[in-house]
Amino acid sequence: CQPAIIADTPESLMTQLESKIHQLVADRLS
């Protein structure tokens, strides 16, 4: 399950998407 991402500002959007993409790329790579 992936909850909806709530980003009110451009900075929040960038930070949260970057974090999510890093998490997805790193998933099962450790």
mmCIF file of all heavy atoms, coordinates in Angstrom:
data_MODEL
# 
_entry.id   MODEL 
# 
loop_
_atom_site.group_PDB 
_atom_site.id 
_atom_site.type_symbol 
_atom_site.label_atom_id 
_atom_site.label_alt_id 
_atom_site.label_comp_id 
_atom_site.label_asym_id 
_atom_site.label_entity_id 
_atom_site.label_seq_id 
_atom_site.pdbx_PDB_ins_code 
_atom_site.Cartn_x 
_atom_site.Cartn_y 
_atom_site.Cartn_z 
_atom_site.occupancy 
_atom_site.B_iso_or_equiv 
_atom_site.pdbx_formal_charge 
_atom_site.auth_seq_id 
_atom_site.auth_comp_id 
_atom_site.auth_asym_id 
_atom_site.auth_atom_id 
_atom_site.pdbx_PDB_model_num 
ATOM 1   N N   . CYS A 1 1  ? 0.826  -1.218 0.000  1.00 0.00 ? 1  CYS A N   1 
ATOM 2   C CA  . CYS A 1 1  ? 0.000  0.000  0.000  1.00 0.00 ? 1  CYS A CA  1 
ATOM 3   C C   . CYS A 1 1  ? 0.856  1.263  0.000  1.00 0.00 ? 1  CYS A C   1 
ATOM 4   O O   . CYS A 1 1  ? 1.789  1.393  0.789  1.00 0.00 ? 1  CYS A O   1 
ATOM 5   C CB  . CYS A 1 1  ? -0.917 0.021  1.221  1.00 0.00 ? 1  CYS A CB  1 
ATOM 6   S SG  . CYS A 1 1  ? -2.258 -1.169 1.126  1.00 0.00 ? 1  CYS A SG  1 
ATOM 7   N N   . GLN A 1 2  ? 0.532  2.160  -0.904 1.00 0.00 ? 2  GLN A N   1 
ATOM 8   C CA  . GLN A 1 2  ? 1.210  3.450  -0.999 1.00 0.00 ? 2  GLN A CA  1 
ATOM 9   C C   . GLN A 1 2  ? 0.176  4.538  -0.698 1.00 0.00 ? 2  GLN A C   1 
ATOM 10  O O   . GLN A 1 2  ? -0.780 4.693  -1.450 1.00 0.00 ? 2  GLN A O   1 
ATOM 11  C CB  . GLN A 1 2  ? 1.765  3.660  -2.414 1.00 0.00 ? 2  GLN A CB  1 
ATOM 12  C CG  . GLN A 1 2  ? 2.804  2.661  -2.832 1.00 0.00 ? 2  GLN A CG  1 
ATOM 13  C CD  . GLN A 1 2  ? 4.125  2.873  -2.118 1.00 0.00 ? 2  GLN A CD  1 
ATOM 14  O OE1 . GLN A 1 2  ? 4.467  3.987  -1.729 1.00 0.00 ? 2  GLN A OE1 1 
ATOM 15  N NE2 . GLN A 1 2  ? 4.859  1.799  -1.929 1.00 0.00 ? 2  GLN A NE2 1 
ATOM 16  N N   . PRO A 1 3  ? 0.336  5.271  0.393  1.00 0.00 ? 3  PRO A N   1 
ATOM 17  C CA  . PRO A 1 3  ? -0.629 6.332  0.699  1.00 0.00 ? 3  PRO A CA  1 
ATOM 18  C C   . PRO A 1 3  ? -0.494 7.486  -0.295 1.00 0.00 ? 3  PRO A C   1 
ATOM 19  O O   . PRO A 1 3  ? 0.544  7.642  -0.944 1.00 0.00 ? 3  PRO A O   1 
ATOM 20  C CB  . PRO A 1 3  ? -0.231 6.776  2.103  1.00 0.00 ? 3  PRO A CB  1 
ATOM 21  C CG  . PRO A 1 3  ? 1.209  6.420  2.217  1.00 0.00 ? 3  PRO A CG  1 
ATOM 22  C CD  . PRO A 1 3  ? 1.412  5.186  1.365  1.00 0.00 ? 3  PRO A CD  1 
ATOM 23  N N   . ALA A 1 4  ? -1.552 8.280  -0.410 1.00 0.00 ? 4  ALA A N   1 
ATOM 24  C CA  . ALA A 1 4  ? -1.476 9.476  -1.243 1.00 0.00 ? 4  ALA A CA  1 
ATOM 25  C C   . ALA A 1 4  ? -0.413 10.406 -0.658 1.00 0.00 ? 4  ALA A C   1 
ATOM 26  O O   . ALA A 1 4  ? -0.270 10.531 0.555  1.00 0.00 ? 4  ALA A O   1 
ATOM 27  C CB  . ALA A 1 4  ? -2.828 10.180 -1.287 1.00 0.00 ? 4  ALA A CB  1 
ATOM 28  N N   . ILE A 1 5  ? 0.340  11.032 -1.532 1.00 0.00 ? 5  ILE A N   1 
ATOM 29  C CA  . ILE A 1 5  ? 1.355  11.999 -1.117 1.00 0.00 ? 5  ILE A CA  1 
ATOM 30  C C   . ILE A 1 5  ? 0.693  13.375 -1.136 1.00 0.00 ? 5  ILE A C   1 
ATOM 31  O O   . ILE A 1 5  ? 0.066  13.739 -2.128 1.00 0.00 ? 5  ILE A O   1 
ATOM 32  C CB  . ILE A 1 5  ? 2.559  11.965 -2.083 1.00 0.00 ? 5  ILE A CB  1 
ATOM 33  C CG1 . ILE A 1 5  ? 3.227  10.589 -2.048 1.00 0.00 ? 5  ILE A CG1 1 
ATOM 34  C CG2 . ILE A 1 5  ? 3.552  13.069 -1.752 1.00 0.00 ? 5  ILE A CG2 1 
ATOM 35  C CD1 . ILE A 1 5  ? 4.213  10.339 -3.165 1.00 0.00 ? 5  ILE A CD1 1 
ATOM 36  N N   . ILE A 1 6  ? 0.822  14.115 -0.052 1.00 0.00 ? 6  ILE A N   1 
ATOM 37  C CA  . ILE A 1 6  ? 0.231  15.454 0.007  1.00 0.00 ? 6  ILE A CA  1 
ATOM 38  C C   . ILE A 1 6  ? 1.365  16.466 0.046  1.00 0.00 ? 6  ILE A C   1 
ATOM 39  O O   . ILE A 1 6  ? 2.195  16.459 0.964  1.00 0.00 ? 6  ILE A O   1 
ATOM 40  C CB  . ILE A 1 6  ? -0.691 15.596 1.227  1.00 0.00 ? 6  ILE A CB  1 
ATOM 41  C CG1 . ILE A 1 6  ? -1.827 14.582 1.119  1.00 0.00 ? 6  ILE A CG1 1 
ATOM 42  C CG2 . ILE A 1 6  ? -1.235 17.019 1.318  1.00 0.00 ? 6  ILE A CG2 1 
ATOM 43  C CD1 . ILE A 1 6  ? -2.709 14.477 2.325  1.00 0.00 ? 6  ILE A CD1 1 
ATOM 44  N N   . ALA A 1 7  ? 1.423  17.301 -0.987 1.00 0.00 ? 7  ALA A N   1 
ATOM 45  C CA  . ALA A 1 7  ? 2.489  18.296 -1.114 1.00 0.00 ? 7  ALA A CA  1 
ATOM 46  C C   . ALA A 1 7  ? 1.850  19.650 -1.389 1.00 0.00 ? 7  ALA A C   1 
ATOM 47  O O   . ALA A 1 7  ? 1.281  19.861 -2.455 1.00 0.00 ? 7  ALA A O   1 
ATOM 48  C CB  . ALA A 1 7  ? 3.442  17.905 -2.242 1.00 0.00 ? 7  ALA A CB  1 
ATOM 49  N N   . ASP A 1 8  ? 1.938  20.565 -0.427 1.00 0.00 ? 8  ASP A N   1 
ATOM 50  C CA  . ASP A 1 8  ? 1.296  21.875 -0.572 1.00 0.00 ? 8  ASP A CA  1 
ATOM 51  C C   . ASP A 1 8  ? 2.141  22.894 -1.334 1.00 0.00 ? 8  ASP A C   1 
ATOM 52  O O   . ASP A 1 8  ? 1.605  23.841 -1.893 1.00 0.00 ? 8  ASP A O   1 
ATOM 53  C CB  . ASP A 1 8  ? 0.942  22.437 0.815  1.00 0.00 ? 8  ASP A CB  1 
ATOM 54  C CG  . ASP A 1 8  ? -0.148 21.624 1.495  1.00 0.00 ? 8  ASP A CG  1 
ATOM 55  O OD1 . ASP A 1 8  ? -0.854 20.870 0.799  1.00 0.00 ? 8  ASP A OD1 1 
ATOM 56  O OD2 . ASP A 1 8  ? -0.278 21.730 2.727  1.00 0.00 ? 8  ASP A OD2 1 
ATOM 57  N N   . THR A 1 9  ? 3.460  22.691 -1.346 1.00 0.00 ? 9  THR A N   1 
ATOM 58  C CA  . THR A 1 9  ? 4.343  23.679 -1.985 1.00 0.00 ? 9  THR A CA  1 
ATOM 59  C C   . THR A 1 9  ? 5.235  22.995 -3.025 1.00 0.00 ? 9  THR A C   1 
ATOM 60  O O   . THR A 1 9  ? 5.417  21.763 -2.970 1.00 0.00 ? 9  THR A O   1 
ATOM 61  C CB  . THR A 1 9  ? 5.263  24.337 -0.927 1.00 0.00 ? 9  THR A CB  1 
ATOM 62  O OG1 . THR A 1 9  ? 6.143  23.319 -0.398 1.00 0.00 ? 9  THR A OG1 1 
ATOM 63  C CG2 . THR A 1 9  ? 4.456  24.967 0.199  1.00 0.00 ? 9  THR A CG2 1 
ATOM 64  N N   . PRO A 1 10 ? 5.824  23.778 -3.921 1.00 0.00 ? 10 PRO A N   1 
ATOM 65  C CA  . PRO A 1 10 ? 6.755  23.179 -4.888 1.00 0.00 ? 10 PRO A CA  1 
ATOM 66  C C   . PRO A 1 10 ? 7.923  22.463 -4.199 1.00 0.00 ? 10 PRO A C   1 
ATOM 67  O O   . PRO A 1 10 ? 8.342  21.395 -4.629 1.00 0.00 ? 10 PRO A O   1 
ATOM 68  C CB  . PRO A 1 10 ? 7.251  24.370 -5.703 1.00 0.00 ? 10 PRO A CB  1 
ATOM 69  C CG  . PRO A 1 10 ? 6.187  25.401 -5.580 1.00 0.00 ? 10 PRO A CG  1 
ATOM 70  C CD  . PRO A 1 10 ? 5.598  25.211 -4.215 1.00 0.00 ? 10 PRO A CD  1 
ATOM 71  N N   . GLU A 1 11 ? 8.421  23.039 -3.107 1.00 0.00 ? 11 GLU A N   1 
ATOM 72  C CA  . GLU A 1 11 ? 9.534  22.429 -2.385 1.00 0.00 ? 11 GLU A CA  1 
ATOM 73  C C   . GLU A 1 11 ? 9.120  21.086 -1.791 1.00 0.00 ? 11 GLU A C   1 
ATOM 74  O O   . GLU A 1 11 ? 9.869  20.110 -1.846 1.00 0.00 ? 11 GLU A O   1 
ATOM 75  C CB  . GLU A 1 11 ? 10.035 23.355 -1.259 1.00 0.00 ? 11 GLU A CB  1 
ATOM 76  C CG  . GLU A 1 11 ? 10.659 24.643 -1.738 1.00 0.00 ? 11 GLU A CG  1 
ATOM 77  C CD  . GLU A 1 11 ? 9.628  25.707 -2.156 1.00 0.00 ? 11 GLU A CD  1 
ATOM 78  O OE1 . GLU A 1 11 ? 8.435  25.611 -1.798 1.00 0.00 ? 11 GLU A OE1 1 
ATOM 79  O OE2 . GLU A 1 11 ? 10.034 26.635 -2.886 1.00 0.00 ? 11 GLU A OE2 1 
ATOM 80  N N   . SER A 1 12 ? 7.917  21.048 -1.218 1.00 0.00 ? 12 SER A N   1 
ATOM 81  C CA  . SER A 1 12 ? 7.410  19.805 -0.642 1.00 0.00 ? 12 SER A CA  1 
ATOM 82  C C   . SER A 1 12 ? 7.207  18.754 -1.730 1.00 0.00 ? 12 SER A C   1 
ATOM 83  O O   . SER A 1 12 ? 7.528  17.577 -1.540 1.00 0.00 ? 12 SER A O   1 
ATOM 84  C CB  . SER A 1 12 ? 6.095  20.070 0.088  1.00 0.00 ? 12 SER A CB  1 
ATOM 85  O OG  . SER A 1 12 ? 5.554  18.864 0.572  1.00 0.00 ? 12 SER A OG  1 
ATOM 86  N N   . LEU A 1 13 ? 6.685  19.163 -2.871 1.00 0.00 ? 13 LEU A N   1 
ATOM 87  C CA  . LEU A 1 13 ? 6.492  18.235 -3.997 1.00 0.00 ? 13 LEU A CA  1 
ATOM 88  C C   . LEU A 1 13 ? 7.832  17.632 -4.405 1.00 0.00 ? 13 LEU A C   1 
ATOM 89  O O   . LEU A 1 13 ? 7.967  16.418 -4.543 1.00 0.00 ? 13 LEU A O   1 
ATOM 90  C CB  . LEU A 1 13 ? 5.844  18.960 -5.169 1.00 0.00 ? 13 LEU A CB  1 
ATOM 91  C CG  . LEU A 1 13 ? 5.666  18.141 -6.450 1.00 0.00 ? 13 LEU A CG  1 
ATOM 92  C CD1 . LEU A 1 13 ? 4.667  17.017 -6.228 1.00 0.00 ? 13 LEU A CD1 1 
ATOM 93  C CD2 . LEU A 1 13 ? 5.207  19.041 -7.592 1.00 0.00 ? 13 LEU A CD2 1 
ATOM 94  N N   . MET A 1 14 ? 8.826  18.490 -4.583 1.00 0.00 ? 14 MET A N   1 
ATOM 95  C CA  . MET A 1 14 ? 10.151 18.027 -5.007 1.00 0.00 ? 14 MET A CA  1 
ATOM 96  C C   . MET A 1 14 ? 10.755 17.077 -3.982 1.00 0.00 ? 14 MET A C   1 
ATOM 97  O O   . MET A 1 14 ? 11.247 16.002 -4.324 1.00 0.00 ? 14 MET A O   1 
ATOM 98  C CB  . MET A 1 14 ? 11.060 19.244 -5.201 1.00 0.00 ? 14 MET A CB  1 
ATOM 99  C CG  . MET A 1 14 ? 12.452 18.901 -5.556 1.00 0.00 ? 14 MET A CG  1 
ATOM 100 S SD  . MET A 1 14 ? 12.611 18.967 -7.301 1.00 0.00 ? 14 MET A SD  1 
ATOM 101 C CE  . MET A 1 14 ? 14.322 19.334 -7.440 1.00 0.00 ? 14 MET A CE  1 
ATOM 102 N N   . THR A 1 15 ? 10.706 17.458 -2.714 1.00 0.00 ? 15 THR A N   1 
ATOM 103 C CA  . THR A 1 15 ? 11.291 16.644 -1.650 1.00 0.00 ? 15 THR A CA  1 
ATOM 104 C C   . THR A 1 15 ? 10.616 15.287 -1.546 1.00 0.00 ? 15 THR A C   1 
ATOM 105 O O   . THR A 1 15 ? 11.276 14.247 -1.471 1.00 0.00 ? 15 THR A O   1 
ATOM 106 C CB  . THR A 1 15 ? 11.195 17.379 -0.291 1.00 0.00 ? 15 THR A CB  1 
ATOM 107 O OG1 . THR A 1 15 ? 11.881 18.623 -0.404 1.00 0.00 ? 15 THR A OG1 1 
ATOM 108 C CG2 . THR A 1 15 ? 11.781 16.564 0.836  1.00 0.00 ? 15 THR A CG2 1 
ATOM 109 N N   . GLN A 1 16 ? 9.277  15.295 -1.545 1.00 0.00 ? 16 GLN A N   1 
ATOM 110 C CA  . GLN A 1 16 ? 8.554  14.038 -1.361 1.00 0.00 ? 16 GLN A CA  1 
ATOM 111 C C   . GLN A 1 16 ? 8.680  13.106 -2.568 1.00 0.00 ? 16 GLN A C   1 
ATOM 112 O O   . GLN A 1 16 ? 8.818  11.894 -2.417 1.00 0.00 ? 16 GLN A O   1 
ATOM 113 C CB  . GLN A 1 16 ? 7.089  14.315 -1.047 1.00 0.00 ? 16 GLN A CB  1 
ATOM 114 C CG  . GLN A 1 16 ? 6.917  14.937 0.325  1.00 0.00 ? 16 GLN A CG  1 
ATOM 115 C CD  . GLN A 1 16 ? 5.501  14.882 0.804  1.00 0.00 ? 16 GLN A CD  1 
ATOM 116 O OE1 . GLN A 1 16 ? 4.960  13.797 0.977  1.00 0.00 ? 16 GLN A OE1 1 
ATOM 117 N NE2 . GLN A 1 16 ? 4.893  16.040 1.008  1.00 0.00 ? 16 GLN A NE2 1 
ATOM 118 N N   . LEU A 1 17 ? 8.635  13.667 -3.776 1.00 0.00 ? 17 LEU A N   1 
ATOM 119 C CA  . LEU A 1 17 ? 8.816  12.825 -4.965 1.00 0.00 ? 17 LEU A CA  1 
ATOM 120 C C   . LEU A 1 17 ? 10.232 12.258 -5.015 1.00 0.00 ? 17 LEU A C   1 
ATOM 121 O O   . LEU A 1 17 ? 10.423 11.079 -5.334 1.00 0.00 ? 17 LEU A O   1 
ATOM 122 C CB  . LEU A 1 17 ? 8.515  13.603 -6.238 1.00 0.00 ? 17 LEU A CB  1 
ATOM 123 C CG  . LEU A 1 17 ? 7.044  13.761 -6.599 1.00 0.00 ? 17 LEU A CG  1 
ATOM 124 C CD1 . LEU A 1 17 ? 6.890  14.576 -7.874 1.00 0.00 ? 17 LEU A CD1 1 
ATOM 125 C CD2 . LEU A 1 17 ? 6.365  12.411 -6.752 1.00 0.00 ? 17 LEU A CD2 1 
ATOM 126 N N   . GLU A 1 18 ? 11.209 13.080 -4.700 1.00 0.00 ? 18 GLU A N   1 
ATOM 127 C CA  . GLU A 1 18 ? 12.594 12.615 -4.696 1.00 0.00 ? 18 GLU A CA  1 
ATOM 128 C C   . GLU A 1 18 ? 12.777 11.490 -3.684 1.00 0.00 ? 18 GLU A C   1 
ATOM 129 O O   . GLU A 1 18 ? 13.385 10.464 -3.982 1.00 0.00 ? 18 GLU A O   1 
ATOM 130 C CB  . GLU A 1 18 ? 13.515 13.795 -4.358 1.00 0.00 ? 18 GLU A CB  1 
ATOM 131 C CG  . GLU A 1 18 ? 14.972 13.522 -4.591 1.00 0.00 ? 18 GLU A CG  1 
ATOM 132 C CD  . GLU A 1 18 ? 15.794 14.794 -4.377 1.00 0.00 ? 18 GLU A CD  1 
ATOM 133 O OE1 . GLU A 1 18 ? 15.988 15.190 -3.207 1.00 0.00 ? 18 GLU A OE1 1 
ATOM 134 O OE2 . GLU A 1 18 ? 16.225 15.382 -5.385 1.00 0.00 ? 18 GLU A OE2 1 
ATOM 135 N N   . SER A 1 19 ? 12.205 11.663 -2.500 1.00 0.00 ? 19 SER A N   1 
ATOM 136 C CA  . SER A 1 19 ? 12.297 10.642 -1.464 1.00 0.00 ? 19 SER A CA  1 
ATOM 137 C C   . SER A 1 19 ? 11.605 9.355  -1.907 1.00 0.00 ? 19 SER A C   1 
ATOM 138 O O   . SER A 1 19 ? 12.140 8.256  -1.731 1.00 0.00 ? 19 SER A O   1 
ATOM 139 C CB  . SER A 1 19 ? 11.664 11.160 -0.170 1.00 0.00 ? 19 SER A CB  1 
ATOM 140 O OG  . SER A 1 19 ? 11.606 10.145 0.796  1.00 0.00 ? 19 SER A OG  1 
ATOM 141 N N   . LYS A 1 20 ? 10.425 9.469  -2.486 1.00 0.00 ? 20 LYS A N   1 
ATOM 142 C CA  . LYS A 1 20 ? 9.670  8.288  -2.928 1.00 0.00 ? 20 LYS A CA  1 
ATOM 143 C C   . LYS A 1 20 ? 10.418 7.558  -4.041 1.00 0.00 ? 20 LYS A C   1 
ATOM 144 O O   . LYS A 1 20 ? 10.506 6.331  -4.047 1.00 0.00 ? 20 LYS A O   1 
ATOM 145 C CB  . LYS A 1 20 ? 8.272  8.698  -3.386 1.00 0.00 ? 20 LYS A CB  1 
ATOM 146 C CG  . LYS A 1 20 ? 7.410  7.542  -3.866 1.00 0.00 ? 20 LYS A CG  1 
ATOM 147 C CD  . LYS A 1 20 ? 7.264  6.421  -2.860 1.00 0.00 ? 20 LYS A CD  1 
ATOM 148 C CE  . LYS A 1 20 ? 6.357  6.772  -1.722 1.00 0.00 ? 20 LYS A CE  1 
ATOM 149 N NZ  . LYS A 1 20 ? 6.176  5.643  -0.777 1.00 0.00 ? 20 LYS A NZ  1 
ATOM 150 N N   . ILE A 1 21 ? 10.964 8.308  -4.982 1.00 0.00 ? 21 ILE A N   1 
ATOM 151 C CA  . ILE A 1 21 ? 11.690 7.675  -6.098 1.00 0.00 ? 21 ILE A CA  1 
ATOM 152 C C   . ILE A 1 21 ? 12.944 6.973  -5.575 1.00 0.00 ? 21 ILE A C   1 
ATOM 153 O O   . ILE A 1 21 ? 13.242 5.846  -5.970 1.00 0.00 ? 21 ILE A O   1 
ATOM 154 C CB  . ILE A 1 21 ? 12.002 8.705  -7.197 1.00 0.00 ? 21 ILE A CB  1 
ATOM 155 C CG1 . ILE A 1 21 ? 10.692 9.082  -7.903 1.00 0.00 ? 21 ILE A CG1 1 
ATOM 156 C CG2 . ILE A 1 21 ? 13.018 8.155  -8.195 1.00 0.00 ? 21 ILE A CG2 1 
ATOM 157 C CD1 . ILE A 1 21 ? 10.774 10.284 -8.822 1.00 0.00 ? 21 ILE A CD1 1 
ATOM 158 N N   . HIS A 1 22 ? 13.667 7.604  -4.634 1.00 0.00 ? 22 HIS A N   1 
ATOM 159 C CA  . HIS A 1 22 ? 14.836 6.940  -4.037 1.00 0.00 ? 22 HIS A CA  1 
ATOM 160 C C   . HIS A 1 22 ? 14.403 5.653  -3.342 1.00 0.00 ? 22 HIS A C   1 
ATOM 161 O O   . HIS A 1 22 ? 15.075 4.627  -3.444 1.00 0.00 ? 22 HIS A O   1 
ATOM 162 C CB  . HIS A 1 22 ? 15.541 7.844  -3.035 1.00 0.00 ? 22 HIS A CB  1 
ATOM 163 C CG  . HIS A 1 22 ? 16.401 8.886  -3.664 1.00 0.00 ? 22 HIS A CG  1 
ATOM 164 N ND1 . HIS A 1 22 ? 17.433 8.586  -4.515 1.00 0.00 ? 22 HIS A ND1 1 
ATOM 165 C CD2 . HIS A 1 22 ? 16.383 10.238 -3.573 1.00 0.00 ? 22 HIS A CD2 1 
ATOM 166 C CE1 . HIS A 1 22 ? 18.013 9.694  -4.919 1.00 0.00 ? 22 HIS A CE1 1 
ATOM 167 N NE2 . HIS A 1 22 ? 17.383 10.718 -4.371 1.00 0.00 ? 22 HIS A NE2 1 
ATOM 168 N N   . GLN A 1 23 ? 13.278 5.714  -2.636 1.00 0.00 ? 23 GLN A N   1 
ATOM 169 C CA  . GLN A 1 23 ? 12.780 4.531  -1.934 1.00 0.00 ? 23 GLN A CA  1 
ATOM 170 C C   . GLN A 1 23 ? 12.435 3.428  -2.932 1.00 0.00 ? 23 GLN A C   1 
ATOM 171 O O   . GLN A 1 23 ? 12.771 2.269  -2.726 1.00 0.00 ? 23 GLN A O   1 
ATOM 172 C CB  . GLN A 1 23 ? 11.551 4.896  -1.104 1.00 0.00 ? 23 GLN A CB  1 
ATOM 173 C CG  . GLN A 1 23 ? 10.976 3.722  -0.352 1.00 0.00 ? 23 GLN A CG  1 
ATOM 174 C CD  . GLN A 1 23 ? 9.704  4.103  0.398  1.00 0.00 ? 23 GLN A CD  1 
ATOM 175 O OE1 . GLN A 1 23 ? 9.284  5.248  0.397  1.00 0.00 ? 23 GLN A OE1 1 
ATOM 176 N NE2 . GLN A 1 23 ? 9.098  3.124  1.030  1.00 0.00 ? 23 GLN A NE2 1 
ATOM 177 N N   . LEU A 1 24 ? 11.776 3.788  -4.037 1.00 0.00 ? 24 LEU A N   1 
ATOM 178 C CA  . LEU A 1 24 ? 11.384 2.783  -5.035 1.00 0.00 ? 24 LEU A CA  1 
ATOM 179 C C   . LEU A 1 24 ? 12.593 2.172  -5.722 1.00 0.00 ? 24 LEU A C   1 
ATOM 180 O O   . LEU A 1 24 ? 12.645 0.971  -5.957 1.00 0.00 ? 24 LEU A O   1 
ATOM 181 C CB  . LEU A 1 24 ? 10.452 3.405  -6.070 1.00 0.00 ? 24 LEU A CB  1 
ATOM 182 C CG  . LEU A 1 24 ? 9.105  3.894  -5.538 1.00 0.00 ? 24 LEU A CG  1 
ATOM 183 C CD1 . LEU A 1 24 ? 8.340  4.627  -6.623 1.00 0.00 ? 24 LEU A CD1 1 
ATOM 184 C CD2 . LEU A 1 24 ? 8.290  2.752  -4.964 1.00 0.00 ? 24 LEU A CD2 1 
ATOM 185 N N   . VAL A 1 25 ? 13.571 3.005  -6.028 1.00 0.00 ? 25 VAL A N   1 
ATOM 186 C CA  . VAL A 1 25 ? 14.774 2.507  -6.697 1.00 0.00 ? 25 VAL A CA  1 
ATOM 187 C C   . VAL A 1 25 ? 15.567 1.613  -5.750 1.00 0.00 ? 25 VAL A C   1 
ATOM 188 O O   . VAL A 1 25 ? 16.126 0.598  -6.152 1.00 0.00 ? 25 VAL A O   1 
ATOM 189 C CB  . VAL A 1 25 ? 15.643 3.677  -7.204 1.00 0.00 ? 25 VAL A CB  1 
ATOM 190 C CG1 . VAL A 1 25 ? 16.999 3.202  -7.671 1.00 0.00 ? 25 VAL A CG1 1 
ATOM 191 C CG2 . VAL A 1 25 ? 14.929 4.391  -8.341 1.00 0.00 ? 25 VAL A CG2 1 
ATOM 192 N N   . ALA A 1 26 ? 15.608 1.987  -4.476 1.00 0.00 ? 26 ALA A N   1 
ATOM 193 C CA  . ALA A 1 26 ? 16.384 1.224  -3.500 1.00 0.00 ? 26 ALA A CA  1 
ATOM 194 C C   . ALA A 1 26 ? 15.629 0.012  -2.985 1.00 0.00 ? 26 ALA A C   1 
ATOM 195 O O   . ALA A 1 26 ? 16.227 -0.852 -2.354 1.00 0.00 ? 26 ALA A O   1 
ATOM 196 C CB  . ALA A 1 26 ? 16.763 2.126  -2.322 1.00 0.00 ? 26 ALA A CB  1 
ATOM 197 N N   . ASP A 1 27 ? 14.329 -0.092 -3.250 1.00 0.00 ? 27 ASP A N   1 
ATOM 198 C CA  . ASP A 1 27 ? 13.524 -1.190 -2.728 1.00 0.00 ? 27 ASP A CA  1 
ATOM 199 C C   . ASP A 1 27 ? 14.137 -2.529 -3.110 1.00 0.00 ? 27 ASP A C   1 
ATOM 200 O O   . ASP A 1 27 ? 14.425 -2.799 -4.252 1.00 0.00 ? 27 ASP A O   1 
ATOM 201 C CB  . ASP A 1 27 ? 12.097 -1.095 -3.277 1.00 0.00 ? 27 ASP A CB  1 
ATOM 202 C CG  . ASP A 1 27 ? 11.151 -2.064 -2.601 1.00 0.00 ? 27 ASP A CG  1 
ATOM 203 O OD1 . ASP A 1 27 ? 11.336 -2.318 -1.400 1.00 0.00 ? 27 ASP A OD1 1 
ATOM 204 O OD2 . ASP A 1 27 ? 10.242 -2.565 -3.286 1.00 0.00 ? 27 ASP A OD2 1 
ATOM 205 N N   . ARG A 1 28 ? 14.353 -3.359 -2.113 1.00 0.00 ? 28 ARG A N   1 
ATOM 206 C CA  . ARG A 1 28 ? 14.910 -4.694 -2.288 1.00 0.00 ? 28 ARG A CA  1 
ATOM 207 C C   . ARG A 1 28 ? 16.335 -4.702 -2.841 1.00 0.00 ? 28 ARG A C   1 
ATOM 208 O O   . ARG A 1 28 ? 16.798 -5.707 -3.343 1.00 0.00 ? 28 ARG A O   1 
ATOM 209 C CB  . ARG A 1 28 ? 14.013 -5.539 -3.203 1.00 0.00 ? 28 ARG A CB  1 
ATOM 210 C CG  . ARG A 1 28 ? 12.748 -5.990 -2.544 1.00 0.00 ? 28 ARG A CG  1 
ATOM 211 C CD  . ARG A 1 28 ? 12.990 -7.299 -1.872 1.00 0.00 ? 28 ARG A CD  1 
ATOM 212 N NE  . ARG A 1 28 ? 11.762 -7.751 -1.245 1.00 0.00 ? 28 ARG A NE  1 
ATOM 213 C CZ  . ARG A 1 28 ? 11.730 -8.413 -0.116 1.00 0.00 ? 28 ARG A CZ  1 
ATOM 214 N NH1 . ARG A 1 28 ? 12.809 -8.697 0.514  1.00 0.00 ? 28 ARG A NH1 1 
ATOM 215 N NH2 . ARG A 1 28 ? 10.597 -8.818 0.393  1.00 0.00 ? 28 ARG A NH2 1 
ATOM 216 N N   . LEU A 1 29 ? 17.027 -3.554 -2.739 1.00 0.00 ? 29 LEU A N   1 
ATOM 217 C CA  . LEU A 1 29 ? 18.401 -3.539 -3.207 1.00 0.00 ? 29 LEU A CA  1 
ATOM 218 C C   . LEU A 1 29 ? 19.390 -3.646 -2.057 1.00 0.00 ? 29 LEU A C   1 
ATOM 219 O O   . LEU A 1 29 ? 20.578 -3.646 -2.277 1.00 0.00 ? 29 LEU A O   1 
ATOM 220 C CB  . LEU A 1 29 ? 18.681 -2.265 -4.004 1.00 0.00 ? 29 LEU A CB  1 
ATOM 221 C CG  . LEU A 1 29 ? 17.977 -2.163 -5.341 1.00 0.00 ? 29 LEU A CG  1 
ATOM 222 C CD1 . LEU A 1 29 ? 18.361 -0.855 -6.032 1.00 0.00 ? 29 LEU A CD1 1 
ATOM 223 C CD2 . LEU A 1 29 ? 18.304 -3.338 -6.238 1.00 0.00 ? 29 LEU A CD2 1 
ATOM 224 N N   . SER A 1 30 ? 18.904 -3.715 -0.847 1.00 0.00 ? 30 SER A N   1 
ATOM 225 C CA  . SER A 1 30 ? 19.791 -3.795 0.305  1.00 0.00 ? 30 SER A CA  1 
ATOM 226 C C   . SER A 1 30 ? 19.907 -5.244 0.739  1.00 0.00 ? 30 SER A C   1 
ATOM 227 O O   . SER A 1 30 ? 18.972 -5.806 1.297  1.00 0.00 ? 30 SER A O   1 
ATOM 228 C CB  . SER A 1 30 ? 19.246 -2.945 1.451  1.00 0.00 ? 30 SER A CB  1 
ATOM 229 O OG  . SER A 1 30 ? 19.169 -1.615 1.047  1.00 0.00 ? 30 SER A OG  1 
# 
